[in-house]
């Protein structure tokens, strides 16, 4: 009897390639971050003045339009998935259902159905240079996001306060050694590769528009940033989260 020719399992091969990319990215990440920080046009600090980034003026000028769209979603009791439902890789910091999300963009992928429900917000965020992600972040009363840090200095984070507890001094984010309280209509910009944590010690929800955008970087650091972000975008982490958002949208149409 002739020996059967063994063929590789395409699914297994794909997973092995993805795992290899992830391992390589983790190995190179510290060097890439140093490279990006060195060539950052805006410096390397935990918290930035919002005015450094011109798009924040447009966000703040239109915050009531944006707030109205998320208010409509909340008032209609639209199901909002917890972050751990969308991205199981966040289980260490999203251990319950107190951090919920409504994605418009995720790592460069547009969530068309959600964007159609928020046309003004979509119009505004699509003008942001280097937009990577945009979503409404809803933090329930008593919620805690424990101390953690992000992956890459290629991305900066912006929060636009939309619905802020009246006792806002007890609803805060600490970035490195700075403690910040959200304010309705005001933006906060920070680098999430510095350790940060969030506490909502009030009995009200906190809702912000959370944005990730590309850090302004000159060459050659810009090349490192683009290479790393390209790898992240194709990683199982991002592709899985993208599928989860699309499936959630389809289920709740």
C-alpha atoms as a PDB file:
ATOM      1  CA  UNK A   1       0.000   0.000   0.000  1.00  0.00           C
ATOM      2  CA  UNK A   2       1.423   3.372  -0.976  1.00  0.00           C
ATOM      3  CA  UNK A   3       2.167   5.732   1.860  1.00  0.00           C
ATOM      4  CA  UNK A   4      -0.353   8.534   2.149  1.00  0.00           C
ATOM      5  CA  UNK A   5       1.018  12.008   1.576  1.00  0.00           C
ATOM      6  CA  UNK A   6       0.513  14.205   4.593  1.00  0.00           C
ATOM      7  CA  UNK A   7      -0.858  17.675   3.893  1.00  0.00           C
ATOM      8  CA  UNK A   8      -0.583  20.619   6.231  1.00  0.00           C
ATOM      9  CA  UNK A   9      -3.723  21.925   7.897  1.00  0.00           C
ATOM     10  CA  UNK A  10      -4.175  25.460   6.450  1.00  0.00           C
ATOM     11  CA  UNK A  11      -5.868  26.664   9.651  1.00  0.00           C
ATOM     12  CA  UNK A  12      -3.058  25.334  11.819  1.00  0.00           C
ATOM     13  CA  UNK A  13      -0.418  26.869   9.553  1.00  0.00           C
ATOM     14  CA  UNK A  14      -2.163  30.243   9.664  1.00  0.00           C
ATOM     15  CA  UNK A  15      -2.334  30.170  13.482  1.00  0.00           C
ATOM     16  CA  UNK A  16       1.360  29.278  13.683  1.00  0.00           C
ATOM     17  CA  UNK A  17       2.246  32.221  11.435  1.00  0.00           C
ATOM     18  CA  UNK A  18       0.079  34.566  13.511  1.00  0.00           C
ATOM     19  CA  UNK A  19       1.687  33.350  16.750  1.00  0.00           C
ATOM     20  CA  UNK A  20       5.138  33.867  15.259  1.00  0.00           C
ATOM     21  CA  UNK A  21       4.212  37.447  14.289  1.00  0.00           C
ATOM     22  CA  UNK A  22       2.922  38.139  17.806  1.00  0.00           C
ATOM     23  CA  UNK A  23       6.106  36.754  19.395  1.00  0.00           C
ATOM     24  CA  UNK A  24       8.271  38.825  17.055  1.00  0.00           C
ATOM     25  CA  UNK A  25       6.241  41.951  17.826  1.00  0.00           C
ATOM     26  CA  UNK A  26       6.596  41.432  21.569  1.00  0.00           C
ATOM     27  CA  UNK A  27      10.332  40.981  21.182  1.00  0.00           C
ATOM     28  CA  UNK A  28      10.778  44.116  19.065  1.00  0.00           C
ATOM     29  CA  UNK A  29       8.279  46.322  20.918  1.00  0.00           C
ATOM     30  CA  UNK A  30      10.697  47.933  23.434  1.00  0.00           C
ATOM     31  CA  UNK A  31      13.121  48.925  20.667  1.00  0.00           C
ATOM     32  CA  UNK A  32      10.296  50.248  18.472  1.00  0.00           C
ATOM     33  CA  UNK A  33       8.911  52.315  21.361  1.00  0.00           C
ATOM     34  CA  UNK A  34      12.324  53.861  22.062  1.00  0.00           C
ATOM     35  CA  UNK A  35      12.682  54.696  18.378  1.00  0.00           C
ATOM     36  CA  UNK A  36       9.223  56.266  18.200  1.00  0.00           C
ATOM     37  CA  UNK A  37       9.721  58.255  21.417  1.00  0.00           C
ATOM     38  CA  UNK A  38      13.046  59.604  20.157  1.00  0.00           C
ATOM     39  CA  UNK A  39      11.470  60.943  16.946  1.00  0.00           C
ATOM     40  CA  UNK A  40       8.150  62.068  18.448  1.00  0.00           C
ATOM     41  CA  UNK A  41       7.257  65.532  17.147  1.00  0.00           C
ATOM     42  CA  UNK A  42       5.270  66.271  20.334  1.00  0.00           C
ATOM     43  CA  UNK A  43       7.748  64.858  22.836  1.00  0.00           C
ATOM     44  CA  UNK A  44       7.389  61.901  25.171  1.00  0.00           C
ATOM     45  CA  UNK A  45       5.266  62.664  28.234  1.00  0.00           C
ATOM     46  CA  UNK A  46       2.351  61.026  30.059  1.00  0.00           C
ATOM     47  CA  UNK A  47      -0.229  63.813  29.547  1.00  0.00           C
ATOM     48  CA  UNK A  48      -0.435  66.445  26.802  1.00  0.00           C
ATOM     49  CA  UNK A  49      -2.135  69.803  26.575  1.00  0.00           C
ATOM     50  CA  UNK A  50      -5.128  69.103  24.293  1.00  0.00           C
ATOM     51  CA  UNK A  51      -4.432  72.225  22.222  1.00  0.00           C
ATOM     52  CA  UNK A  52      -1.227  70.638  20.930  1.00  0.00           C
ATOM     53  CA  UNK A  53      -3.515  68.657  18.620  1.00  0.00           C
ATOM     54  CA  UNK A  54      -5.682  70.944  16.496  1.00  0.00           C
ATOM     55  CA  UNK A  55      -8.535  68.432  16.110  1.00  0.00           C
ATOM     56  CA  UNK A  56      -9.395  68.701  19.814  1.00  0.00           C
ATOM     57  CA  UNK A  57     -10.809  72.201  19.211  1.00  0.00           C
ATOM     58  CA  UNK A  58     -13.341  70.757  16.758  1.00  0.00           C
ATOM     59  CA  UNK A  59     -14.238  67.975  19.193  1.00  0.00           C
ATOM     60  CA  UNK A  60     -14.841  70.423  22.017  1.00  0.00           C
ATOM     61  CA  UNK A  61     -16.802  72.795  19.778  1.00  0.00           C
ATOM     62  CA  UNK A  62     -19.147  69.961  18.739  1.00  0.00           C
ATOM     63  CA  UNK A  63     -19.347  68.002  21.969  1.00  0.00           C
ATOM     64  CA  UNK A  64     -23.085  68.581  22.431  1.00  0.00           C
ATOM     65  CA  UNK A  65     -23.841  67.071  19.008  1.00  0.00           C
ATOM     66  CA  UNK A  66     -21.751  64.052  19.932  1.00  0.00           C
ATOM     67  CA  UNK A  67     -23.353  63.786  23.362  1.00  0.00           C
ATOM     68  CA  UNK A  68     -26.850  63.854  21.831  1.00  0.00           C
ATOM     69  CA  UNK A  69     -26.030  60.893  19.588  1.00  0.00           C
ATOM     70  CA  UNK A  70     -24.739  58.733  22.418  1.00  0.00           C
ATOM     71  CA  UNK A  71     -27.654  59.858  24.603  1.00  0.00           C
ATOM     72  CA  UNK A  72     -30.067  58.590  21.924  1.00  0.00           C
ATOM     73  CA  UNK A  73     -28.297  55.235  21.927  1.00  0.00           C
ATOM     74  CA  UNK A  74     -28.433  54.960  25.709  1.00  0.00           C
ATOM     75  CA  UNK A  75     -32.057  56.139  25.958  1.00  0.00           C
ATOM     76  CA  UNK A  76     -33.178  53.567  23.374  1.00  0.00           C
ATOM     77  CA  UNK A  77     -31.542  50.896  25.547  1.00  0.00           C
ATOM     78  CA  UNK A  78     -29.316  49.805  22.689  1.00  0.00           C
ATOM     79  CA  UNK A  79     -27.338  46.751  23.829  1.00  0.00           C
ATOM     80  CA  UNK A  80     -23.760  47.795  24.496  1.00  0.00           C
ATOM     81  CA  UNK A  81     -21.200  45.003  24.754  1.00  0.00           C
ATOM     82  CA  UNK A  82     -18.690  44.956  27.573  1.00  0.00           C
ATOM     83  CA  UNK A  83     -15.093  45.383  26.478  1.00  0.00           C
ATOM     84  CA  UNK A  84     -14.289  41.790  27.413  1.00  0.00           C
ATOM     85  CA  UNK A  85     -17.032  40.580  25.035  1.00  0.00           C
ATOM     86  CA  UNK A  86     -15.424  42.485  22.178  1.00  0.00           C
ATOM     87  CA  UNK A  87     -11.819  41.856  23.138  1.00  0.00           C
ATOM     88  CA  UNK A  88     -11.258  38.858  25.436  1.00  0.00           C
ATOM     89  CA  UNK A  89      -7.554  39.817  25.549  1.00  0.00           C
ATOM     90  CA  UNK A  90      -8.609  42.659  27.870  1.00  0.00           C
ATOM     91  CA  UNK A  91      -9.826  40.235  30.544  1.00  0.00           C
ATOM     92  CA  UNK A  92      -7.150  41.382  33.001  1.00  0.00           C
ATOM     93  CA  UNK A  93      -8.539  44.921  33.123  1.00  0.00           C
ATOM     94  CA  UNK A  94     -12.186  44.311  32.150  1.00  0.00           C
ATOM     95  CA  UNK A  95     -13.198  41.648  34.627  1.00  0.00           C
ATOM     96  CA  UNK A  96     -16.918  42.474  34.758  1.00  0.00           C
ATOM     97  CA  UNK A  97     -19.598  44.206  32.681  1.00  0.00           C
ATOM     98  CA  UNK A  98     -18.982  47.678  34.090  1.00  0.00           C
ATOM     99  CA  UNK A  99     -16.971  48.883  31.089  1.00  0.00           C
ATOM    100  CA  UNK A 100     -19.159  48.882  27.967  1.00  0.00           C
ATOM    101  CA  UNK A 101     -18.471  50.119  24.464  1.00  0.00           C
ATOM    102  CA  UNK A 102     -20.042  51.303  21.216  1.00  0.00           C
ATOM    103  CA  UNK A 103     -17.454  51.124  18.425  1.00  0.00           C
ATOM    104  CA  UNK A 104     -17.390  53.423  15.398  1.00  0.00           C
ATOM    105  CA  UNK A 105     -13.844  52.617  14.325  1.00  0.00           C
ATOM    106  CA  UNK A 106     -11.479  49.929  15.568  1.00  0.00           C
ATOM    107  CA  UNK A 107      -7.812  49.824  14.515  1.00  0.00           C
ATOM    108  CA  UNK A 108      -8.623  51.433  11.182  1.00  0.00           C
ATOM    109  CA  UNK A 109     -11.738  49.359  10.485  1.00  0.00           C
ATOM    110  CA  UNK A 110     -15.018  51.247  10.150  1.00  0.00           C
ATOM    111  CA  UNK A 111     -18.086  49.759  11.842  1.00  0.00           C
ATOM    112  CA  UNK A 112     -20.601  50.857   9.225  1.00  0.00           C
ATOM    113  CA  UNK A 113     -23.835  50.076  11.044  1.00  0.00           C
ATOM    114  CA  UNK A 114     -22.797  51.907  14.214  1.00  0.00           C
ATOM    115  CA  UNK A 115     -21.455  54.853  12.208  1.00  0.00           C
ATOM    116  CA  UNK A 116     -24.775  55.139  10.401  1.00  0.00           C
ATOM    117  CA  UNK A 117     -26.468  55.618  13.777  1.00  0.00           C
ATOM    118  CA  UNK A 118     -24.064  58.425  14.702  1.00  0.00           C
ATOM    119  CA  UNK A 119     -23.604  60.495  11.524  1.00  0.00           C
ATOM    120  CA  UNK A 120     -22.430  63.694  13.204  1.00  0.00           C
ATOM    121  CA  UNK A 121     -19.907  61.937  15.413  1.00  0.00           C
ATOM    122  CA  UNK A 122     -18.690  59.938  12.422  1.00  0.00           C
ATOM    123  CA  UNK A 123     -18.279  63.085  10.330  1.00  0.00           C
ATOM    124  CA  UNK A 124     -16.267  64.759  13.072  1.00  0.00           C
ATOM    125  CA  UNK A 125     -13.946  61.857  13.950  1.00  0.00           C
ATOM    126  CA  UNK A 126     -13.225  61.034  10.320  1.00  0.00           C
ATOM    127  CA  UNK A 127     -11.484  64.412  10.056  1.00  0.00           C
ATOM    128  CA  UNK A 128      -8.962  63.469  12.745  1.00  0.00           C
ATOM    129  CA  UNK A 129      -5.470  62.942  11.284  1.00  0.00           C
ATOM    130  CA  UNK A 130      -4.302  59.380  11.811  1.00  0.00           C
ATOM    131  CA  UNK A 131      -7.553  58.138  13.369  1.00  0.00           C
ATOM    132  CA  UNK A 132      -7.083  54.561  14.540  1.00  0.00           C
ATOM    133  CA  UNK A 133     -10.068  53.855  16.806  1.00  0.00           C
ATOM    134  CA  UNK A 134     -13.162  55.714  17.978  1.00  0.00           C
ATOM    135  CA  UNK A 135     -15.789  54.444  20.390  1.00  0.00           C
ATOM    136  CA  UNK A 136     -18.090  55.531  23.171  1.00  0.00           C
ATOM    137  CA  UNK A 137     -16.710  54.273  26.468  1.00  0.00           C
ATOM    138  CA  UNK A 138     -19.336  53.776  29.177  1.00  0.00           C
ATOM    139  CA  UNK A 139     -18.145  53.273  32.748  1.00  0.00           C
ATOM    140  CA  UNK A 140     -20.746  52.121  35.259  1.00  0.00           C
ATOM    141  CA  UNK A 141     -21.003  53.386  38.846  1.00  0.00           C
ATOM    142  CA  UNK A 142     -18.368  51.792  41.042  1.00  0.00           C
ATOM    143  CA  UNK A 143     -16.276  50.622  38.099  1.00  0.00           C
ATOM    144  CA  UNK A 144     -12.529  50.202  38.423  1.00  0.00           C
ATOM    145  CA  UNK A 145     -10.056  49.708  35.574  1.00  0.00           C
ATOM    146  CA  UNK A 146      -6.881  48.513  37.325  1.00  0.00           C
ATOM    147  CA  UNK A 147      -3.381  49.811  36.727  1.00  0.00           C
ATOM    148  CA  UNK A 148      -2.090  48.818  33.301  1.00  0.00           C
ATOM    149  CA  UNK A 149      -0.310  50.206  30.271  1.00  0.00           C
ATOM    150  CA  UNK A 150      -0.719  50.075  26.519  1.00  0.00           C
ATOM    151  CA  UNK A 151       1.377  48.427  23.846  1.00  0.00           C
ATOM    152  CA  UNK A 152       2.789  51.072  21.534  1.00  0.00           C
ATOM    153  CA  UNK A 153       3.900  54.701  21.542  1.00  0.00           C
ATOM    154  CA  UNK A 154       2.761  54.907  17.929  1.00  0.00           C
ATOM    155  CA  UNK A 155      -0.717  55.687  19.290  1.00  0.00           C
ATOM    156  CA  UNK A 156      -1.974  58.436  21.620  1.00  0.00           C
ATOM    157  CA  UNK A 157      -5.334  58.445  23.409  1.00  0.00           C
ATOM    158  CA  UNK A 158      -7.933  61.207  23.613  1.00  0.00           C
ATOM    159  CA  UNK A 159     -11.017  61.245  25.855  1.00  0.00           C
ATOM    160  CA  UNK A 160     -13.802  63.758  25.180  1.00  0.00           C
ATOM    161  CA  UNK A 161     -16.033  64.138  28.232  1.00  0.00           C
ATOM    162  CA  UNK A 162     -19.720  63.694  27.323  1.00  0.00           C
ATOM    163  CA  UNK A 163     -21.652  62.547  30.399  1.00  0.00           C
ATOM    164  CA  UNK A 164     -19.697  63.142  33.564  1.00  0.00           C
ATOM    165  CA  UNK A 165     -20.890  62.444  37.135  1.00  0.00           C
ATOM    166  CA  UNK A 166     -21.773  65.535  39.140  1.00  0.00           C
ATOM    167  CA  UNK A 167     -19.215  64.458  41.716  1.00  0.00           C
ATOM    168  CA  UNK A 168     -16.553  64.406  39.023  1.00  0.00           C
ATOM    169  CA  UNK A 169     -13.635  64.619  41.451  1.00  0.00           C
ATOM    170  CA  UNK A 170     -14.518  61.051  42.415  1.00  0.00           C
ATOM    171  CA  UNK A 171     -14.477  59.870  38.810  1.00  0.00           C
ATOM    172  CA  UNK A 172     -10.864  60.040  37.716  1.00  0.00           C
ATOM    173  CA  UNK A 173      -8.073  58.638  35.619  1.00  0.00           C
ATOM    174  CA  UNK A 174      -4.516  58.531  36.938  1.00  0.00           C
ATOM    175  CA  UNK A 175      -1.786  58.595  34.279  1.00  0.00           C
ATOM    176  CA  UNK A 176       1.697  58.079  35.697  1.00  0.00           C
ATOM    177  CA  UNK A 177       1.706  60.494  38.673  1.00  0.00           C
ATOM    178  CA  UNK A 178      -1.098  62.768  37.410  1.00  0.00           C
ATOM    179  CA  UNK A 179      -4.730  62.407  38.490  1.00  0.00           C
ATOM    180  CA  UNK A 180      -7.269  63.881  36.062  1.00  0.00           C
ATOM    181  CA  UNK A 181     -11.048  64.339  36.331  1.00  0.00           C
ATOM    182  CA  UNK A 182     -13.174  64.400  33.191  1.00  0.00           C
ATOM    183  CA  UNK A 183     -15.169  67.510  32.359  1.00  0.00           C
ATOM    184  CA  UNK A 184     -18.097  67.627  29.947  1.00  0.00           C
ATOM    185  CA  UNK A 185     -17.025  69.173  26.656  1.00  0.00           C
ATOM    186  CA  UNK A 186     -13.301  68.997  27.442  1.00  0.00           C
ATOM    187  CA  UNK A 187     -10.628  66.723  25.990  1.00  0.00           C
ATOM    188  CA  UNK A 188      -7.877  64.821  27.786  1.00  0.00           C
ATOM    189  CA  UNK A 189      -4.916  63.520  25.764  1.00  0.00           C
ATOM    190  CA  UNK A 190      -2.398  61.031  27.128  1.00  0.00           C
ATOM    191  CA  UNK A 191       0.099  58.314  26.247  1.00  0.00           C
ATOM    192  CA  UNK A 192      -1.289  54.995  27.453  1.00  0.00           C
ATOM    193  CA  UNK A 193       2.130  53.303  27.480  1.00  0.00           C
ATOM    194  CA  UNK A 194       2.521  55.008  30.873  1.00  0.00           C
ATOM    195  CA  UNK A 195       0.801  53.153  33.689  1.00  0.00           C
ATOM    196  CA  UNK A 196      -2.754  54.377  34.188  1.00  0.00           C
ATOM    197  CA  UNK A 197      -5.893  53.377  36.075  1.00  0.00           C
ATOM    198  CA  UNK A 198      -9.513  54.527  36.285  1.00  0.00           C
ATOM    199  CA  UNK A 199     -11.978  54.792  39.194  1.00  0.00           C
ATOM    200  CA  UNK A 200     -15.646  55.760  39.116  1.00  0.00           C
ATOM    201  CA  UNK A 201     -16.437  56.163  42.813  1.00  0.00           C
ATOM    202  CA  UNK A 202     -19.827  57.758  42.096  1.00  0.00           C
ATOM    203  CA  UNK A 203     -23.364  56.443  41.591  1.00  0.00           C
ATOM    204  CA  UNK A 204     -23.567  57.788  38.009  1.00  0.00           C
ATOM    205  CA  UNK A 205     -22.329  56.563  34.638  1.00  0.00           C
ATOM    206  CA  UNK A 206     -19.372  58.216  32.958  1.00  0.00           C
ATOM    207  CA  UNK A 207     -19.420  58.348  29.157  1.00  0.00           C
ATOM    208  CA  UNK A 208     -16.571  59.625  26.994  1.00  0.00           C
ATOM    209  CA  UNK A 209     -15.736  59.475  23.313  1.00  0.00           C
ATOM    210  CA  UNK A 210     -12.479  57.519  23.349  1.00  0.00           C
ATOM    211  CA  UNK A 211     -10.117  58.020  20.421  1.00  0.00           C
ATOM    212  CA  UNK A 212      -6.829  56.448  19.451  1.00  0.00           C
ATOM    213  CA  UNK A 213      -4.829  58.400  16.886  1.00  0.00           C
ATOM    214  CA  UNK A 214      -1.358  58.152  15.424  1.00  0.00           C
ATOM    215  CA  UNK A 215       1.330  60.057  17.298  1.00  0.00           C
ATOM    216  CA  UNK A 216       3.031  62.671  15.076  1.00  0.00           C
ATOM    217  CA  UNK A 217       6.486  61.177  14.454  1.00  0.00           C
ATOM    218  CA  UNK A 218       9.286  62.211  12.114  1.00  0.00           C
ATOM    219  CA  UNK A 219      11.444  59.820  10.124  1.00  0.00           C
ATOM    220  CA  UNK A 220      12.961  57.342  10.748  1.00  0.00           C
ATOM    221  CA  UNK A 221      10.788  56.757  13.835  1.00  0.00           C
ATOM    222  CA  UNK A 222       7.670  57.127  11.674  1.00  0.00           C
ATOM    223  CA  UNK A 223       8.706  54.030   9.759  1.00  0.00           C
ATOM    224  CA  UNK A 224       8.952  52.048  13.003  1.00  0.00           C
ATOM    225  CA  UNK A 225       5.503  53.278  14.049  1.00  0.00           C
ATOM    226  CA  UNK A 226       3.881  52.321  10.744  1.00  0.00           C
ATOM    227  CA  UNK A 227       5.507  48.881  10.705  1.00  0.00           C
ATOM    228  CA  UNK A 228       4.408  48.123  14.244  1.00  0.00           C
ATOM    229  CA  UNK A 229       0.851  49.364  13.692  1.00  0.00           C
ATOM    230  CA  UNK A 230       0.601  47.314  10.509  1.00  0.00           C
ATOM    231  CA  UNK A 231       1.528  44.209  12.460  1.00  0.00           C
ATOM    232  CA  UNK A 232      -0.951  45.012  15.243  1.00  0.00           C
ATOM    233  CA  UNK A 233      -3.756  45.585  12.731  1.00  0.00           C
ATOM    234  CA  UNK A 234      -3.258  42.106  11.261  1.00  0.00           C
ATOM    235  CA  UNK A 235      -2.800  40.391  14.630  1.00  0.00           C
ATOM    236  CA  UNK A 236      -5.313  37.873  16.044  1.00  0.00           C
ATOM    237  CA  UNK A 237      -5.987  40.392  18.838  1.00  0.00           C
ATOM    238  CA  UNK A 238      -7.398  42.971  16.431  1.00  0.00           C
ATOM    239  CA  UNK A 239      -8.967  40.604  13.911  1.00  0.00           C
ATOM    240  CA  UNK A 240     -10.834  38.743  16.656  1.00  0.00           C
ATOM    241  CA  UNK A 241     -12.132  42.010  18.149  1.00  0.00           C
ATOM    242  CA  UNK A 242     -13.228  43.181  14.696  1.00  0.00           C
ATOM    243  CA  UNK A 243     -15.221  39.981  14.112  1.00  0.00           C
ATOM    244  CA  UNK A 244     -16.798  40.232  17.556  1.00  0.00           C
ATOM    245  CA  UNK A 245     -18.006  43.799  16.906  1.00  0.00           C
ATOM    246  CA  UNK A 246     -19.440  42.816  13.510  1.00  0.00           C
ATOM    247  CA  UNK A 247     -21.189  39.775  14.966  1.00  0.00           C
ATOM    248  CA  UNK A 248     -22.636  41.844  17.820  1.00  0.00           C
ATOM    249  CA  UNK A 249     -23.905  44.441  15.328  1.00  0.00           C
ATOM    250  CA  UNK A 250     -25.534  41.747  13.174  1.00  0.00           C
ATOM    251  CA  UNK A 251     -27.172  40.115  16.194  1.00  0.00           C
ATOM    252  CA  UNK A 252     -28.704  43.386  17.422  1.00  0.00           C
ATOM    253  CA  UNK A 253     -29.850  45.009  14.172  1.00  0.00           C
END
